Amino acid sequence: MRSAIILFLLTLSVWASAQEIRIQGSADFSFTNSELEAGDDFSLSAESTEKINLDIKKLSKDAYWTVQVQKNDINWDNQVKIYVRRTSNGNGKGNVWGGWNYIQINNLNSTFITGYEKLNNIDIQYKLEGIDVTLEAGTYYADIVYTLYEN
């Protein structure tokens, strides 16, 4: 019998120059199973349930913008994939496009969403895939970095 405790922590970071992007909330995934044995057919994907908001602030008037996302591995197993999507349009005078479907977060920047003007409370959600019995029990960390570009 193998006891596995797997904890995934995603640290959210932001980068912007004069513009401001703010992430509020965090994602924490915890898995425990004491009934698994090697050879068992087990695979798991999990979605975050915590409320995580993204705000776009301090833009030039009538500004279009792009948010890119990337992952910086701290202690991470490459068989586990991280995905992000937005689940709301936020509120404010602006508009947001893209991001409704999950995109995989890699170690290189990828465009997540684009928009126009300031917005608050754009809800986002994370998903993990690739968790199975071959993954060693432990705590895994990755920084998720969002970068705001004003077009």
N, C-alpha and C. Protein backbone atom coordinates (compact mmCIF):
# COMPACT_ATOMS: atom_id res chain seq x y z
N MET A 1 0.84 -1.17 0.00
CA MET A 1 0.00 0.00 0.00
C MET A 1 0.89 1.24 0.00
N ARG A 2 0.57 2.18 -0.81
CA ARG A 2 1.35 3.40 -0.94
C ARG A 2 0.51 4.58 -0.49
N SER A 3 1.04 5.39 0.36
CA SER A 3 0.35 6.59 0.80
C SER A 3 0.94 7.78 0.07
N ALA A 4 0.09 8.54 -0.56
CA ALA A 4 0.58 9.68 -1.34
C ALA A 4 -0.09 10.96 -0.88
N ILE A 5 0.71 11.94 -0.60
CA ILE A 5 0.20 13.27 -0.34
C ILE A 5 0.90 14.18 -1.33
N ILE A 6 0.11 14.81 -2.14
CA ILE A 6 0.66 15.67 -3.17
C ILE A 6 0.06 17.05 -2.96
N LEU A 7 0.90 18.05 -2.88
CA LEU A 7 0.45 19.42 -2.68
C LEU A 7 1.05 20.28 -3.77
N PHE A 8 0.20 21.01 -4.49
CA PHE A 8 0.66 21.92 -5.52
C PHE A 8 0.34 23.33 -5.09
N LEU A 9 1.31 24.20 -5.12
CA LEU A 9 1.11 25.60 -4.79
C LEU A 9 1.48 26.44 -6.00
N LEU A 10 0.59 27.30 -6.39
CA LEU A 10 0.87 28.21 -7.49
C LEU A 10 1.03 29.60 -6.89
N THR A 11 2.18 30.19 -7.07
CA THR A 11 2.43 31.54 -6.61
C THR A 11 2.18 32.46 -7.79
N LEU A 12 1.34 33.45 -7.59
CA LEU A 12 0.98 34.34 -8.68
C LEU A 12 1.80 35.61 -8.59
N SER A 13 2.40 36.00 -9.71
CA SER A 13 3.21 37.20 -9.78
C SER A 13 2.73 38.05 -10.93
N VAL A 14 3.06 39.32 -10.89
CA VAL A 14 2.67 40.22 -11.97
C VAL A 14 3.85 41.08 -12.35
N TRP A 15 3.84 41.54 -13.59
CA TRP A 15 4.86 42.45 -14.07
C TRP A 15 4.22 43.44 -15.02
N ALA A 16 4.48 44.70 -14.79
CA ALA A 16 4.01 45.74 -15.69
C ALA A 16 4.84 46.98 -15.42
N SER A 17 4.92 47.87 -16.39
CA SER A 17 5.66 49.10 -16.15
C SER A 17 4.70 50.15 -15.60
N ALA A 18 4.30 51.15 -16.38
CA ALA A 18 3.40 52.18 -15.89
C ALA A 18 2.00 51.63 -15.68
N GLN A 19 1.63 50.62 -16.44
CA GLN A 19 0.32 50.01 -16.28
C GLN A 19 0.34 49.17 -15.00
N GLU A 20 -0.82 48.72 -14.60
CA GLU A 20 -0.88 47.87 -13.41
C GLU A 20 -1.82 46.70 -13.65
N ILE A 21 -1.34 45.52 -13.31
CA ILE A 21 -2.16 44.32 -13.33
C ILE A 21 -2.09 43.76 -11.92
N ARG A 22 -3.23 43.36 -11.38
CA ARG A 22 -3.28 42.87 -10.02
C ARG A 22 -4.01 41.52 -9.98
N ILE A 23 -3.40 40.57 -9.30
CA ILE A 23 -4.02 39.26 -9.08
C ILE A 23 -4.39 39.16 -7.61
N GLN A 24 -5.62 38.81 -7.33
CA GLN A 24 -6.07 38.63 -5.95
C GLN A 24 -6.58 37.22 -5.79
N GLY A 25 -6.03 36.51 -4.79
CA GLY A 25 -6.41 35.12 -4.53
C GLY A 25 -5.26 34.20 -4.83
N SER A 26 -5.46 32.92 -4.56
CA SER A 26 -4.42 31.93 -4.82
C SER A 26 -5.07 30.58 -5.09
N ALA A 27 -4.31 29.71 -5.72
CA ALA A 27 -4.77 28.36 -6.01
C ALA A 27 -3.92 27.37 -5.23
N ASP A 28 -4.57 26.44 -4.58
CA ASP A 28 -3.91 25.45 -3.75
C ASP A 28 -4.58 24.10 -4.03
N PHE A 29 -3.82 23.13 -4.51
CA PHE A 29 -4.36 21.80 -4.81
C PHE A 29 -3.72 20.81 -3.86
N SER A 30 -4.52 20.00 -3.19
CA SER A 30 -4.01 19.01 -2.25
C SER A 30 -4.70 17.68 -2.52
N PHE A 31 -3.90 16.61 -2.63
CA PHE A 31 -4.44 15.29 -2.92
C PHE A 31 -3.88 14.30 -1.92
N THR A 32 -4.73 13.47 -1.37
CA THR A 32 -4.29 12.42 -0.46
C THR A 32 -5.02 11.15 -0.84
N ASN A 33 -4.28 10.05 -0.94
CA ASN A 33 -4.92 8.78 -1.18
C ASN A 33 -4.05 7.68 -0.59
N SER A 34 -4.59 6.95 0.36
CA SER A 34 -3.80 5.90 1.02
C SER A 34 -4.15 4.51 0.47
N GLU A 35 -5.01 4.44 -0.52
CA GLU A 35 -5.43 3.15 -1.06
C GLU A 35 -4.78 2.81 -2.39
N LEU A 36 -3.87 3.64 -2.86
CA LEU A 36 -3.25 3.41 -4.16
C LEU A 36 -2.04 2.48 -4.05
N GLU A 37 -1.91 1.65 -5.06
CA GLU A 37 -0.72 0.81 -5.17
C GLU A 37 -0.19 0.92 -6.58
N ALA A 38 1.09 0.67 -6.72
CA ALA A 38 1.70 0.71 -8.04
C ALA A 38 0.94 -0.22 -8.98
N GLY A 39 0.68 0.23 -10.17
CA GLY A 39 -0.06 -0.55 -11.15
C GLY A 39 -1.54 -0.22 -11.18
N ASP A 40 -2.05 0.47 -10.14
CA ASP A 40 -3.45 0.89 -10.15
C ASP A 40 -3.65 1.86 -11.31
N ASP A 41 -4.82 1.81 -11.91
CA ASP A 41 -5.15 2.71 -13.00
C ASP A 41 -5.71 3.99 -12.38
N PHE A 42 -4.87 5.00 -12.28
CA PHE A 42 -5.27 6.23 -11.61
C PHE A 42 -4.70 7.42 -12.37
N SER A 43 -5.53 8.36 -12.70
CA SER A 43 -5.10 9.61 -13.31
C SER A 43 -6.06 10.68 -12.85
N LEU A 44 -5.55 11.87 -12.65
CA LEU A 44 -6.38 12.91 -12.07
C LEU A 44 -6.14 14.23 -12.76
N SER A 45 -7.21 14.95 -12.97
CA SER A 45 -7.11 16.37 -13.30
C SER A 45 -7.97 17.08 -12.27
N ALA A 46 -7.59 18.28 -11.90
CA ALA A 46 -8.31 19.02 -10.87
C ALA A 46 -8.40 20.48 -11.26
N GLU A 47 -9.55 21.09 -10.97
CA GLU A 47 -9.74 22.52 -11.22
C GLU A 47 -9.76 23.26 -9.89
N SER A 48 -9.24 24.49 -9.91
CA SER A 48 -9.26 25.31 -8.70
C SER A 48 -10.69 25.74 -8.39
N THR A 49 -10.98 25.86 -7.12
CA THR A 49 -12.30 26.31 -6.69
C THR A 49 -12.23 27.66 -5.98
N GLU A 50 -11.01 28.10 -5.66
CA GLU A 50 -10.84 29.38 -4.98
C GLU A 50 -11.17 30.54 -5.92
N LYS A 51 -11.62 31.66 -5.35
CA LYS A 51 -11.90 32.84 -6.16
C LYS A 51 -10.59 33.58 -6.43
N ILE A 52 -10.25 33.72 -7.71
CA ILE A 52 -9.04 34.41 -8.12
C ILE A 52 -9.46 35.48 -9.14
N ASN A 53 -9.08 36.73 -8.86
CA ASN A 53 -9.44 37.85 -9.73
C ASN A 53 -8.22 38.49 -10.35
N LEU A 54 -8.40 38.98 -11.56
CA LEU A 54 -7.37 39.72 -12.27
C LEU A 54 -7.93 41.11 -12.56
N ASP A 55 -7.18 42.17 -12.21
CA ASP A 55 -7.59 43.56 -12.46
C ASP A 55 -6.59 44.20 -13.41
N ILE A 56 -7.09 45.00 -14.34
CA ILE A 56 -6.26 45.78 -15.25
C ILE A 56 -6.47 47.25 -14.90
N LYS A 57 -5.38 47.94 -14.50
CA LYS A 57 -5.48 49.32 -14.01
C LYS A 57 -4.39 50.19 -14.61
N LYS A 58 -4.50 51.48 -14.37
CA LYS A 58 -3.47 52.49 -14.72
C LYS A 58 -3.03 52.41 -16.17
N LEU A 59 -3.99 52.47 -17.07
CA LEU A 59 -3.68 52.47 -18.49
C LEU A 59 -3.79 53.87 -19.05
N SER A 60 -3.21 54.10 -20.23
CA SER A 60 -3.45 55.34 -20.95
C SER A 60 -4.91 55.36 -21.37
N LYS A 61 -5.44 56.55 -21.59
CA LYS A 61 -6.84 56.65 -22.01
C LYS A 61 -7.03 55.93 -23.35
N ASP A 62 -8.13 55.23 -23.48
CA ASP A 62 -8.48 54.49 -24.71
C ASP A 62 -7.41 53.47 -25.09
N ALA A 63 -6.84 52.80 -24.11
CA ALA A 63 -5.74 51.87 -24.36
C ALA A 63 -6.23 50.44 -24.62
N TYR A 64 -5.64 49.82 -25.61
CA TYR A 64 -5.78 48.39 -25.83
C TYR A 64 -4.61 47.71 -25.11
N TRP A 65 -4.82 46.49 -24.64
CA TRP A 65 -3.78 45.81 -23.87
C TRP A 65 -3.81 44.31 -24.15
N THR A 66 -2.70 43.67 -23.76
CA THR A 66 -2.55 42.22 -23.86
C THR A 66 -1.96 41.71 -22.55
N VAL A 67 -2.47 40.59 -22.05
CA VAL A 67 -1.89 39.94 -20.88
C VAL A 67 -1.28 38.62 -21.33
N GLN A 68 0.01 38.46 -21.01
CA GLN A 68 0.69 37.20 -21.29
C GLN A 68 0.94 36.48 -19.98
N VAL A 69 1.06 35.15 -20.07
CA VAL A 69 1.26 34.32 -18.88
C VAL A 69 2.38 33.33 -19.14
N GLN A 70 3.13 33.02 -18.10
CA GLN A 70 4.16 31.99 -18.18
C GLN A 70 4.36 31.38 -16.80
N LYS A 71 5.03 30.23 -16.79
CA LYS A 71 5.31 29.48 -15.56
C LYS A 71 6.80 29.48 -15.31
N ASN A 72 7.19 29.73 -14.07
CA ASN A 72 8.58 29.58 -13.65
C ASN A 72 8.62 28.43 -12.65
N ASP A 73 9.28 27.34 -13.04
CA ASP A 73 9.36 26.17 -12.16
C ASP A 73 10.26 26.45 -10.97
N ILE A 74 9.78 26.08 -9.79
CA ILE A 74 10.60 26.15 -8.58
C ILE A 74 10.94 24.72 -8.19
N ASN A 75 9.94 23.94 -7.87
CA ASN A 75 10.07 22.50 -7.64
C ASN A 75 8.85 21.89 -8.32
N TRP A 76 8.99 21.49 -9.58
CA TRP A 76 7.84 21.08 -10.38
C TRP A 76 8.19 19.83 -11.17
N ASP A 77 7.22 18.94 -11.33
CA ASP A 77 7.38 17.75 -12.15
C ASP A 77 6.75 18.03 -13.52
N ASN A 78 7.53 17.87 -14.59
CA ASN A 78 7.06 18.23 -15.92
C ASN A 78 5.90 17.38 -16.43
N GLN A 79 5.59 16.26 -15.78
CA GLN A 79 4.44 15.48 -16.24
C GLN A 79 3.13 16.17 -15.85
N VAL A 80 3.17 17.09 -14.89
CA VAL A 80 1.97 17.82 -14.46
C VAL A 80 1.88 19.10 -15.27
N LYS A 81 0.77 19.28 -15.95
CA LYS A 81 0.51 20.45 -16.79
C LYS A 81 -0.44 21.40 -16.08
N ILE A 82 -0.16 22.70 -16.21
CA ILE A 82 -1.02 23.74 -15.61
C ILE A 82 -1.73 24.48 -16.73
N TYR A 83 -3.02 24.71 -16.53
CA TYR A 83 -3.84 25.45 -17.50
C TYR A 83 -4.55 26.59 -16.78
N VAL A 84 -4.88 27.64 -17.54
CA VAL A 84 -5.63 28.77 -17.00
C VAL A 84 -6.70 29.18 -18.00
N ARG A 85 -7.80 29.72 -17.48
CA ARG A 85 -8.85 30.30 -18.32
C ARG A 85 -9.53 31.40 -17.53
N ARG A 86 -10.25 32.25 -18.24
CA ARG A 86 -11.06 33.24 -17.53
C ARG A 86 -12.50 32.73 -17.50
N THR A 87 -13.21 33.09 -16.44
CA THR A 87 -14.59 32.62 -16.29
C THR A 87 -15.59 33.76 -16.20
N SER A 88 -15.11 35.00 -16.36
CA SER A 88 -16.02 36.15 -16.37
C SER A 88 -15.42 37.26 -17.22
N ASN A 89 -16.26 38.25 -17.53
CA ASN A 89 -15.82 39.41 -18.30
C ASN A 89 -15.28 40.53 -17.41
N GLY A 90 -15.39 40.38 -16.10
CA GLY A 90 -14.99 41.45 -15.20
C GLY A 90 -16.01 42.57 -15.24
N ASN A 91 -15.67 43.68 -14.59
CA ASN A 91 -16.55 44.84 -14.66
C ASN A 91 -15.73 46.11 -14.81
N GLY A 92 -16.36 47.11 -15.38
CA GLY A 92 -15.72 48.37 -15.70
C GLY A 92 -16.14 48.80 -17.08
N LYS A 93 -15.50 49.84 -17.60
CA LYS A 93 -15.87 50.39 -18.92
C LYS A 93 -15.28 49.60 -20.08
N GLY A 94 -14.31 48.76 -19.80
CA GLY A 94 -13.58 48.07 -20.86
C GLY A 94 -14.21 46.78 -21.34
N ASN A 95 -13.50 46.14 -22.24
CA ASN A 95 -13.87 44.84 -22.79
C ASN A 95 -12.68 43.91 -22.73
N VAL A 96 -12.96 42.60 -22.68
CA VAL A 96 -11.90 41.60 -22.70
C VAL A 96 -12.25 40.54 -23.73
N TRP A 97 -11.20 40.03 -24.43
CA TRP A 97 -11.40 39.02 -25.46
C TRP A 97 -10.48 37.85 -25.20
N GLY A 98 -10.94 36.67 -25.59
CA GLY A 98 -10.12 35.46 -25.47
C GLY A 98 -10.08 34.92 -24.05
N GLY A 99 -9.42 33.79 -23.91
CA GLY A 99 -9.21 33.21 -22.59
C GLY A 99 -10.35 32.36 -22.04
N TRP A 100 -11.43 32.16 -22.79
CA TRP A 100 -12.54 31.35 -22.28
C TRP A 100 -12.16 29.87 -22.18
N ASN A 101 -11.33 29.42 -23.10
CA ASN A 101 -10.88 28.02 -23.08
C ASN A 101 -9.55 27.94 -22.35
N TYR A 102 -9.32 26.80 -21.69
CA TYR A 102 -8.06 26.61 -21.00
C TYR A 102 -6.90 26.68 -21.98
N ILE A 103 -5.82 27.38 -21.58
CA ILE A 103 -4.57 27.34 -22.32
C ILE A 103 -3.50 26.81 -21.37
N GLN A 104 -2.59 26.04 -21.92
CA GLN A 104 -1.51 25.50 -21.09
C GLN A 104 -0.50 26.60 -20.79
N ILE A 105 -0.08 26.67 -19.53
CA ILE A 105 0.94 27.63 -19.12
C ILE A 105 2.29 26.94 -19.21
N ASN A 106 3.16 27.48 -20.04
CA ASN A 106 4.50 26.93 -20.26
C ASN A 106 5.54 27.86 -19.65
N ASN A 107 6.81 27.52 -19.86
CA ASN A 107 7.90 28.35 -19.35
C ASN A 107 8.25 29.50 -20.29
N LEU A 108 7.48 29.68 -21.35
CA LEU A 108 7.62 30.80 -22.26
C LEU A 108 6.30 31.58 -22.26
N ASN A 109 6.38 32.89 -22.46
CA ASN A 109 5.17 33.72 -22.49
C ASN A 109 4.20 33.26 -23.57
N SER A 110 2.92 33.24 -23.22
CA SER A 110 1.84 32.97 -24.16
C SER A 110 0.76 34.02 -23.93
N THR A 111 0.10 34.44 -25.00
CA THR A 111 -0.99 35.40 -24.84
C THR A 111 -2.17 34.71 -24.17
N PHE A 112 -2.65 35.33 -23.10
CA PHE A 112 -3.79 34.81 -22.34
C PHE A 112 -5.07 35.53 -22.74
N ILE A 113 -5.11 36.84 -22.56
CA ILE A 113 -6.29 37.63 -22.92
C ILE A 113 -5.84 38.97 -23.51
N THR A 114 -6.75 39.59 -24.26
CA THR A 114 -6.54 40.94 -24.75
C THR A 114 -7.77 41.76 -24.37
N GLY A 115 -7.62 43.08 -24.39
CA GLY A 115 -8.75 43.90 -24.00
C GLY A 115 -8.57 45.36 -24.31
N TYR A 116 -9.53 46.12 -23.81
CA TYR A 116 -9.60 47.56 -24.04
C TYR A 116 -10.06 48.21 -22.74
N GLU A 117 -9.32 49.24 -22.32
CA GLU A 117 -9.66 50.03 -21.12
C GLU A 117 -9.50 49.21 -19.83
N LYS A 118 -9.73 49.88 -18.71
CA LYS A 118 -9.56 49.27 -17.39
C LYS A 118 -10.71 48.31 -17.08
N LEU A 119 -10.37 47.22 -16.40
CA LEU A 119 -11.37 46.24 -15.95
C LEU A 119 -10.97 45.71 -14.58
N ASN A 120 -11.96 45.36 -13.78
CA ASN A 120 -11.74 44.75 -12.47
C ASN A 120 -12.46 43.42 -12.39
N ASN A 121 -11.97 42.57 -11.51
CA ASN A 121 -12.64 41.31 -11.17
C ASN A 121 -12.88 40.38 -12.36
N ILE A 122 -11.86 40.23 -13.20
CA ILE A 122 -11.92 39.20 -14.24
C ILE A 122 -11.58 37.90 -13.52
N ASP A 123 -12.55 37.02 -13.37
CA ASP A 123 -12.34 35.76 -12.65
C ASP A 123 -11.52 34.80 -13.51
N ILE A 124 -10.53 34.14 -12.88
CA ILE A 124 -9.73 33.15 -13.58
C ILE A 124 -9.74 31.84 -12.80
N GLN A 125 -9.47 30.75 -13.50
CA GLN A 125 -9.50 29.41 -12.91
C GLN A 125 -8.32 28.61 -13.46
N TYR A 126 -7.77 27.75 -12.61
CA TYR A 126 -6.64 26.90 -12.98
C TYR A 126 -7.06 25.45 -13.03
N LYS A 127 -6.34 24.67 -13.83
CA LYS A 127 -6.56 23.23 -13.90
C LYS A 127 -5.19 22.55 -13.95
N LEU A 128 -5.07 21.43 -13.25
CA LEU A 128 -3.87 20.60 -13.30
C LEU A 128 -4.23 19.29 -13.99
N GLU A 129 -3.34 18.80 -14.84
CA GLU A 129 -3.50 17.49 -15.48
C GLU A 129 -2.18 16.74 -15.40
N GLY A 130 -2.26 15.42 -15.43
CA GLY A 130 -1.06 14.60 -15.45
C GLY A 130 -0.64 14.06 -14.11
N ILE A 131 -1.56 14.10 -13.15
CA ILE A 131 -1.26 13.58 -11.81
C ILE A 131 -1.64 12.11 -11.81
N ASP A 132 -0.68 11.24 -11.50
CA ASP A 132 -0.97 9.81 -11.42
C ASP A 132 -0.04 9.16 -10.41
N VAL A 133 -0.13 7.83 -10.28
CA VAL A 133 0.63 7.12 -9.24
C VAL A 133 2.14 7.16 -9.45
N THR A 134 2.60 7.52 -10.64
CA THR A 134 4.04 7.59 -10.85
C THR A 134 4.64 8.87 -10.28
N LEU A 135 3.80 9.83 -9.93
CA LEU A 135 4.26 11.09 -9.35
C LEU A 135 4.58 10.88 -7.88
N GLU A 136 5.80 11.21 -7.49
CA GLU A 136 6.21 11.02 -6.10
C GLU A 136 5.44 11.95 -5.18
N ALA A 137 5.14 11.46 -3.97
CA ALA A 137 4.51 12.29 -2.97
C ALA A 137 5.44 13.45 -2.63
N GLY A 138 4.89 14.62 -2.44
CA GLY A 138 5.72 15.77 -2.12
C GLY A 138 4.97 17.06 -2.32
N THR A 139 5.68 18.14 -2.16
CA THR A 139 5.14 19.48 -2.37
C THR A 139 5.81 20.05 -3.61
N TYR A 140 5.00 20.55 -4.54
CA TYR A 140 5.50 21.08 -5.80
C TYR A 140 5.11 22.55 -5.90
N TYR A 141 6.04 23.37 -6.38
CA TYR A 141 5.81 24.80 -6.50
C TYR A 141 6.10 25.29 -7.91
N ALA A 142 5.32 26.27 -8.35
CA ALA A 142 5.59 26.98 -9.59
C ALA A 142 5.06 28.40 -9.45
N ASP A 143 5.82 29.37 -9.96
CA ASP A 143 5.34 30.75 -10.04
C ASP A 143 4.60 30.91 -11.36
N ILE A 144 3.44 31.53 -11.32
CA ILE A 144 2.70 31.90 -12.52
C ILE A 144 2.86 33.41 -12.66
N VAL A 145 3.44 33.83 -13.77
CA VAL A 145 3.75 35.25 -13.98
C VAL A 145 2.86 35.82 -15.08
N TYR A 146 2.16 36.90 -14.76
CA TYR A 146 1.32 37.61 -15.72
C TYR A 146 2.03 38.91 -16.08
N THR A 147 2.08 39.22 -17.37
CA THR A 147 2.70 40.45 -17.84
C THR A 147 1.68 41.22 -18.68
N LEU A 148 1.51 42.50 -18.35
CA LEU A 148 0.57 43.37 -19.04
C LEU A 148 1.32 44.25 -20.03
N TYR A 149 0.90 44.23 -21.29
CA TYR A 149 1.46 45.09 -22.33
C TYR A 149 0.38 46.00 -22.84
N GLU A 150 0.68 47.30 -22.88
CA GLU A 150 -0.25 48.25 -23.47
C GLU A 150 0.09 48.38 -24.95
N ASN A 151 -0.90 48.19 -25.81
CA ASN A 151 -0.66 48.22 -27.27
C ASN A 151 -0.71 49.64 -27.79
